[in-house]
């Protein structure tokens, strides 16, 4: 997938996806003479599942308090 496709899938900016790839957070390959980035759909799905698990862990470790319960 193109980085722009990944950005659309995650509903984030192209530059956010580029940073995720360059930091190693999201696995990708660089191909072609101009060195264009591509993300394999399976790797994106793995990344999304990892983020679900990471978020669930964070929620368990940071329970709502009364003040948070009042927020919309």
C-alpha atoms as a PDB file:
ATOM      1  CA  UNK A   1       0.000   0.000   0.000  1.00  0.00           C
ATOM      2  CA  UNK A   2       1.127   3.559  -0.609  1.00  0.00           C
ATOM      3  CA  UNK A   3       1.709   5.672   2.490  1.00  0.00           C
ATOM      4  CA  UNK A   4      -1.223   7.824   1.401  1.00  0.00           C
ATOM      5  CA  UNK A   5      -3.439   4.708   1.383  1.00  0.00           C
ATOM      6  CA  UNK A   6      -2.267   3.824   4.886  1.00  0.00           C
ATOM      7  CA  UNK A   7      -2.978   7.393   6.017  1.00  0.00           C
ATOM      8  CA  UNK A   8      -6.505   7.171   4.619  1.00  0.00           C
ATOM      9  CA  UNK A   9      -7.059   3.788   6.292  1.00  0.00           C
ATOM     10  CA  UNK A  10      -5.912   5.121   9.690  1.00  0.00           C
ATOM     11  CA  UNK A  11      -7.492   8.544   9.176  1.00  0.00           C
ATOM     12  CA  UNK A  12      -4.226  10.360   9.872  1.00  0.00           C
ATOM     13  CA  UNK A  13      -1.978  12.586   7.787  1.00  0.00           C
ATOM     14  CA  UNK A  14       0.543  11.340   5.249  1.00  0.00           C
ATOM     15  CA  UNK A  15       3.314  12.919   7.321  1.00  0.00           C
ATOM     16  CA  UNK A  16       2.210  10.979  10.424  1.00  0.00           C
ATOM     17  CA  UNK A  17       2.459   7.717   8.486  1.00  0.00           C
ATOM     18  CA  UNK A  18       5.854   8.734   7.081  1.00  0.00           C
ATOM     19  CA  UNK A  19       7.085   9.379  10.643  1.00  0.00           C
ATOM     20  CA  UNK A  20       5.708   5.996  11.797  1.00  0.00           C
ATOM     21  CA  UNK A  21       7.593   4.271   8.974  1.00  0.00           C
ATOM     22  CA  UNK A  22      10.838   6.215   9.432  1.00  0.00           C
ATOM     23  CA  UNK A  23      10.825   5.611  13.205  1.00  0.00           C
ATOM     24  CA  UNK A  24      10.329   1.869  12.667  1.00  0.00           C
ATOM     25  CA  UNK A  25       6.941   1.857  14.387  1.00  0.00           C
ATOM     26  CA  UNK A  26       5.234   0.649  11.197  1.00  0.00           C
ATOM     27  CA  UNK A  27       7.173  -1.867   9.052  1.00  0.00           C
ATOM     28  CA  UNK A  28       7.567  -0.834   5.414  1.00  0.00           C
ATOM     29  CA  UNK A  29       9.841  -1.325   2.439  1.00  0.00           C
ATOM     30  CA  UNK A  30      11.454   1.210   0.146  1.00  0.00           C
ATOM     31  CA  UNK A  31      11.285   0.240  -3.528  1.00  0.00           C
ATOM     32  CA  UNK A  32      11.977   1.597  -6.966  1.00  0.00           C
ATOM     33  CA  UNK A  33      14.485   4.056  -8.310  1.00  0.00           C
ATOM     34  CA  UNK A  34      12.908   6.939  -6.423  1.00  0.00           C
ATOM     35  CA  UNK A  35      12.735   4.950  -3.197  1.00  0.00           C
ATOM     36  CA  UNK A  36       8.983   4.993  -2.682  1.00  0.00           C
ATOM     37  CA  UNK A  37       7.651   3.497   0.543  1.00  0.00           C
ATOM     38  CA  UNK A  38       5.168   0.609   0.584  1.00  0.00           C
ATOM     39  CA  UNK A  39       3.390  -1.054   3.501  1.00  0.00           C
ATOM     40  CA  UNK A  40       2.145  -4.608   3.158  1.00  0.00           C
ATOM     41  CA  UNK A  41      -1.532  -4.894   4.137  1.00  0.00           C
ATOM     42  CA  UNK A  42      -0.734  -7.787   6.508  1.00  0.00           C
ATOM     43  CA  UNK A  43       1.828  -5.593   8.307  1.00  0.00           C
ATOM     44  CA  UNK A  44      -0.730  -2.810   8.630  1.00  0.00           C
ATOM     45  CA  UNK A  45      -3.266  -5.259  10.075  1.00  0.00           C
ATOM     46  CA  UNK A  46      -0.639  -6.520  12.558  1.00  0.00           C
ATOM     47  CA  UNK A  47       0.131  -2.921  13.511  1.00  0.00           C
ATOM     48  CA  UNK A  48      -3.561  -2.172  14.098  1.00  0.00           C
ATOM     49  CA  UNK A  49      -3.980  -5.298  16.263  1.00  0.00           C
ATOM     50  CA  UNK A  50      -0.879  -4.326  18.257  1.00  0.00           C
ATOM     51  CA  UNK A  51      -2.346  -0.858  18.825  1.00  0.00           C
ATOM     52  CA  UNK A  52      -5.641  -2.387  20.030  1.00  0.00           C
ATOM     53  CA  UNK A  53      -3.715  -4.508  22.564  1.00  0.00           C
ATOM     54  CA  UNK A  54      -1.563  -1.542  23.601  1.00  0.00           C
ATOM     55  CA  UNK A  55      -4.641   0.637  24.086  1.00  0.00           C
ATOM     56  CA  UNK A  56      -6.464  -2.065  26.083  1.00  0.00           C
ATOM     57  CA  UNK A  57      -3.444  -2.356  28.382  1.00  0.00           C
ATOM     58  CA  UNK A  58      -3.321   1.416  28.832  1.00  0.00           C
ATOM     59  CA  UNK A  59      -7.055   1.520  29.665  1.00  0.00           C
ATOM     60  CA  UNK A  60      -6.608  -1.215  32.292  1.00  0.00           C
ATOM     61  CA  UNK A  61      -3.704   0.668  33.863  1.00  0.00           C
ATOM     62  CA  UNK A  62      -5.484   4.044  33.772  1.00  0.00           C
ATOM     63  CA  UNK A  63      -9.037   3.548  35.005  1.00  0.00           C
ATOM     64  CA  UNK A  64     -11.592   6.328  34.743  1.00  0.00           C
ATOM     65  CA  UNK A  65     -11.907   8.603  37.731  1.00  0.00           C
ATOM     66  CA  UNK A  66     -14.977  10.648  38.632  1.00  0.00           C
ATOM     67  CA  UNK A  67     -13.739  13.712  36.753  1.00  0.00           C
ATOM     68  CA  UNK A  68     -13.214  11.704  33.539  1.00  0.00           C
ATOM     69  CA  UNK A  69     -16.664  10.134  33.799  1.00  0.00           C
ATOM     70  CA  UNK A  70     -18.221  13.590  33.398  1.00  0.00           C
ATOM     71  CA  UNK A  71     -16.532  14.200  30.019  1.00  0.00           C
ATOM     72  CA  UNK A  72     -18.554  13.549  26.837  1.00  0.00           C
END
